[in-house]
């Protein structure tokens, strides 16, 4: 389960980060979720590929923060 994975790897965890904001929802297939899909086959990367949307979201966030 996700909670066991988090505990085993001593990671901070909040369910809010699994589906919000929408472009970062773990249900979508993209370069961030596909490597983890085999660990959580019914939760991660089960919906459409949203690579374009997630890249745009990250680009916008970076621009707002002055990173790019």
C-alpha atoms as a PDB file:
ATOM      1  CA  UNK A   1       0.000   0.000   0.000  1.00  0.00           C
ATOM      2  CA  UNK A   2       1.004   3.617  -0.331  1.00  0.00           C
ATOM      3  CA  UNK A   3       1.159   4.077   3.432  1.00  0.00           C
ATOM      4  CA  UNK A   4       3.506   1.100   3.814  1.00  0.00           C
ATOM      5  CA  UNK A   5       5.748   2.389   1.012  1.00  0.00           C
ATOM      6  CA  UNK A   6       5.867   5.800   2.693  1.00  0.00           C
ATOM      7  CA  UNK A   7       6.719   4.259   6.058  1.00  0.00           C
ATOM      8  CA  UNK A   8       9.374   1.953   4.571  1.00  0.00           C
ATOM      9  CA  UNK A   9      11.109   4.848   2.813  1.00  0.00           C
ATOM     10  CA  UNK A  10      10.577   7.410   5.602  1.00  0.00           C
ATOM     11  CA  UNK A  11       8.755   9.826   3.296  1.00  0.00           C
ATOM     12  CA  UNK A  12       6.376  12.608   4.230  1.00  0.00           C
ATOM     13  CA  UNK A  13       2.917  11.845   2.909  1.00  0.00           C
ATOM     14  CA  UNK A  14      -0.415  13.541   2.404  1.00  0.00           C
ATOM     15  CA  UNK A  15      -3.283  12.212   0.313  1.00  0.00           C
ATOM     16  CA  UNK A  16      -3.921  15.743  -0.928  1.00  0.00           C
ATOM     17  CA  UNK A  17      -0.803  15.460  -3.056  1.00  0.00           C
ATOM     18  CA  UNK A  18      -2.078  12.371  -4.839  1.00  0.00           C
ATOM     19  CA  UNK A  19      -4.803  14.154  -6.777  1.00  0.00           C
ATOM     20  CA  UNK A  20      -4.433  17.897  -6.404  1.00  0.00           C
ATOM     21  CA  UNK A  21      -3.729  19.975  -8.419  1.00  0.00           C
ATOM     22  CA  UNK A  22      -5.291  17.997 -11.211  1.00  0.00           C
ATOM     23  CA  UNK A  23      -2.325  17.976 -13.645  1.00  0.00           C
ATOM     24  CA  UNK A  24      -0.293  16.268 -10.905  1.00  0.00           C
ATOM     25  CA  UNK A  25      -2.925  13.650 -10.149  1.00  0.00           C
ATOM     26  CA  UNK A  26      -1.224  10.259  -9.942  1.00  0.00           C
ATOM     27  CA  UNK A  27      -3.988   8.662 -11.989  1.00  0.00           C
ATOM     28  CA  UNK A  28      -2.560  10.184 -15.182  1.00  0.00           C
ATOM     29  CA  UNK A  29       0.190   8.567 -17.232  1.00  0.00           C
ATOM     30  CA  UNK A  30       3.309  10.699 -17.600  1.00  0.00           C
ATOM     31  CA  UNK A  31       7.054  10.502 -17.030  1.00  0.00           C
ATOM     32  CA  UNK A  32       6.572  10.978 -13.279  1.00  0.00           C
ATOM     33  CA  UNK A  33       3.918   8.326 -12.698  1.00  0.00           C
ATOM     34  CA  UNK A  34       4.789   5.565 -15.165  1.00  0.00           C
ATOM     35  CA  UNK A  35       7.932   4.440 -13.270  1.00  0.00           C
ATOM     36  CA  UNK A  36       5.731   3.777 -10.202  1.00  0.00           C
ATOM     37  CA  UNK A  37       2.730   2.183 -11.917  1.00  0.00           C
ATOM     38  CA  UNK A  38       3.946  -1.367 -11.273  1.00  0.00           C
ATOM     39  CA  UNK A  39       4.054  -0.705  -7.509  1.00  0.00           C
ATOM     40  CA  UNK A  40       0.505   0.672  -7.372  1.00  0.00           C
ATOM     41  CA  UNK A  41      -1.267  -0.849 -10.407  1.00  0.00           C
ATOM     42  CA  UNK A  42      -4.802   0.198  -9.445  1.00  0.00           C
ATOM     43  CA  UNK A  43      -3.902   3.732  -8.374  1.00  0.00           C
ATOM     44  CA  UNK A  44      -0.992   5.142 -10.370  1.00  0.00           C
ATOM     45  CA  UNK A  45      -1.013   5.781 -14.142  1.00  0.00           C
ATOM     46  CA  UNK A  46      -4.467   4.354 -14.783  1.00  0.00           C
ATOM     47  CA  UNK A  47      -5.927   7.189 -16.886  1.00  0.00           C
ATOM     48  CA  UNK A  48      -4.968   9.173 -20.012  1.00  0.00           C
ATOM     49  CA  UNK A  49      -1.483  10.400 -20.777  1.00  0.00           C
ATOM     50  CA  UNK A  50      -1.261  14.013 -19.616  1.00  0.00           C
ATOM     51  CA  UNK A  51       2.446  14.667 -20.248  1.00  0.00           C
ATOM     52  CA  UNK A  52       1.708  17.899 -22.133  1.00  0.00           C
ATOM     53  CA  UNK A  53      -0.524  19.201 -19.334  1.00  0.00           C
ATOM     54  CA  UNK A  54       1.892  18.285 -16.545  1.00  0.00           C
ATOM     55  CA  UNK A  55       4.838  19.849 -18.406  1.00  0.00           C
ATOM     56  CA  UNK A  56       2.859  23.049 -18.945  1.00  0.00           C
ATOM     57  CA  UNK A  57       1.792  23.111 -15.284  1.00  0.00           C
ATOM     58  CA  UNK A  58       5.397  22.713 -14.103  1.00  0.00           C
ATOM     59  CA  UNK A  59       6.618  25.333 -16.559  1.00  0.00           C
ATOM     60  CA  UNK A  60       3.990  27.797 -15.307  1.00  0.00           C
ATOM     61  CA  UNK A  61       4.832  27.067 -11.651  1.00  0.00           C
ATOM     62  CA  UNK A  62       8.544  27.522 -12.318  1.00  0.00           C
ATOM     63  CA  UNK A  63       7.897  30.782 -14.138  1.00  0.00           C
ATOM     64  CA  UNK A  64       5.785  32.087 -11.245  1.00  0.00           C
ATOM     65  CA  UNK A  65       8.605  31.221  -8.841  1.00  0.00           C
ATOM     66  CA  UNK A  66      11.254  32.789 -11.084  1.00  0.00           C
ATOM     67  CA  UNK A  67      13.040  29.477 -11.525  1.00  0.00           C
ATOM     68  CA  UNK A  68      13.202  29.575 -15.327  1.00  0.00           C
END
